Amino acid sequence: MMTSVLSVHHVPIRLTAERWTHVVEEHCELAGLQLEVLETVARPEAIYAGRAEELLAVRELLPGRYLVVVYRETATDGFIVTAFLTSKIQKIQRRPQLWP
């Protein structure tokens, strides 16, 4: 299984079977939310800077519960590193906002 979506910068971002396994093993609450993870990259509410050049796409799934998808992107390609749910969005919002 490998799936991809276009980021807001029109770059294909891959989600491989290995990465998806990592996500659901570390964050079992995301099992069954693969489409939401991909949708968050394609249509985020905001994108923040990560610590090591990764991007953090954020979208509110439920009131007060945010899906954060960590991914890397070059000019022509990218991939999802991990994803997680958080209610502590303020920690993410302290980072530089890159989009919009």
Protein backbone atom coordinates (compact mmCIF):
# COMPACT_ATOMS: atom_id res chain seq x y z
CA MET A 1 0.00 0.00 0.00
CA MET A 2 1.27 3.42 -0.92
CA THR A 3 -1.02 6.39 -1.19
CA SER A 4 -0.26 9.99 -2.00
CA VAL A 5 -1.94 13.39 -2.03
CA LEU A 6 -0.90 16.80 -3.23
CA SER A 7 0.23 19.24 -0.58
CA VAL A 8 -0.82 22.89 -0.57
CA HIS A 9 2.35 23.48 -2.61
CA HIS A 10 1.18 20.95 -5.25
CA VAL A 11 3.88 18.45 -4.31
CA PRO A 12 2.97 14.74 -4.10
CA ILE A 13 3.25 13.54 -0.50
CA ARG A 14 3.50 9.75 -0.03
CA LEU A 15 2.11 7.64 2.78
CA THR A 16 3.80 4.24 2.63
CA ALA A 17 2.64 1.05 4.31
CA GLU A 18 5.69 1.19 6.59
CA ARG A 19 4.89 4.73 7.74
CA TRP A 20 1.19 3.95 8.24
CA THR A 21 2.13 0.94 10.36
CA HIS A 22 4.38 3.20 12.43
CA VAL A 23 1.54 5.72 12.90
CA VAL A 24 -1.04 3.20 14.10
CA GLU A 25 1.43 1.30 16.29
CA GLU A 26 2.46 4.50 18.08
CA HIS A 27 -0.99 6.14 18.00
CA CYS A 28 -3.65 3.41 17.94
CA GLU A 29 -6.42 6.03 18.11
CA LEU A 30 -5.62 6.83 14.45
CA ALA A 31 -6.44 3.34 13.18
CA GLY A 32 -9.15 3.79 10.60
CA LEU A 33 -8.29 7.46 10.04
CA GLN A 34 -5.92 7.07 7.09
CA LEU A 35 -8.11 9.20 4.83
CA GLU A 36 -8.24 11.96 7.45
CA VAL A 37 -4.44 11.91 7.70
CA LEU A 38 -4.12 12.31 3.93
CA GLU A 39 -6.84 14.98 3.88
CA THR A 40 -4.97 16.94 6.54
CA VAL A 41 -1.93 17.17 4.27
CA ALA A 42 -4.04 18.09 1.25
CA ARG A 43 -6.37 20.57 3.03
CA PRO A 44 -4.89 21.70 6.33
CA GLU A 45 -6.18 24.57 8.40
CA ALA A 46 -2.56 25.62 8.97
CA ILE A 47 1.01 24.43 8.47
CA TYR A 48 3.70 25.04 11.07
CA ALA A 49 7.47 24.60 11.02
CA GLY A 50 8.91 21.51 12.61
CA ARG A 51 12.21 21.28 14.45
CA ALA A 52 14.20 19.51 11.71
CA GLU A 53 12.80 20.99 8.49
CA GLU A 54 9.63 18.94 8.61
CA LEU A 55 6.18 20.48 8.21
CA LEU A 56 3.25 20.06 10.60
CA ALA A 57 -0.15 20.11 8.92
CA VAL A 58 -2.98 20.72 11.39
CA ARG A 59 -6.73 20.20 11.12
CA GLU A 60 -9.41 20.10 13.80
CA LEU A 61 -11.20 16.73 13.70
CA LEU A 62 -13.50 17.19 16.68
CA PRO A 63 -14.08 20.25 18.84
CA GLY A 64 -10.81 20.72 20.72
CA ARG A 65 -9.10 17.67 19.11
CA TYR A 66 -6.57 18.32 16.38
CA LEU A 67 -4.91 15.96 13.94
CA VAL A 68 -1.25 16.84 13.35
CA VAL A 69 0.52 15.24 10.39
CA VAL A 70 4.29 15.55 10.29
CA TYR A 71 5.76 15.36 6.79
CA ARG A 72 8.78 16.31 4.72
CA GLU A 73 8.60 18.03 1.38
CA THR A 74 11.08 18.96 -1.36
CA ALA A 75 10.29 20.81 -4.57
CA THR A 76 9.19 17.58 -6.26
CA ASP A 77 8.45 14.91 -3.65
CA GLY A 78 7.55 14.30 -0.04
CA PHE A 79 6.46 11.74 2.53
CA ILE A 80 4.54 11.49 5.80
CA VAL A 81 6.72 10.86 8.84
CA THR A 82 4.05 10.41 11.52
CA ALA A 83 0.71 11.72 12.76
CA PHE A 84 -0.96 12.20 16.12
CA LEU A 85 -4.01 13.69 17.83
CA THR A 86 -3.67 16.49 20.36
CA SER A 87 -5.81 18.84 22.36
CA LYS A 88 -2.76 20.98 23.20
CA ILE A 89 -2.80 22.98 19.98
CA GLN A 90 -1.15 25.95 21.71
CA LYS A 91 2.17 24.06 21.74
CA ILE A 92 1.98 23.67 17.96
CA GLN A 93 0.84 27.26 17.45
CA ARG A 94 3.97 28.59 19.17
CA ARG A 95 5.97 27.45 16.17
CA PRO A 96 6.37 29.64 13.08
CA GLN A 97 3.25 29.39 10.91
CA LEU A 98 4.24 28.73 7.29
CA TRP A 99 0.80 28.53 5.68
CA PRO A 100 -1.55 30.29 5.11
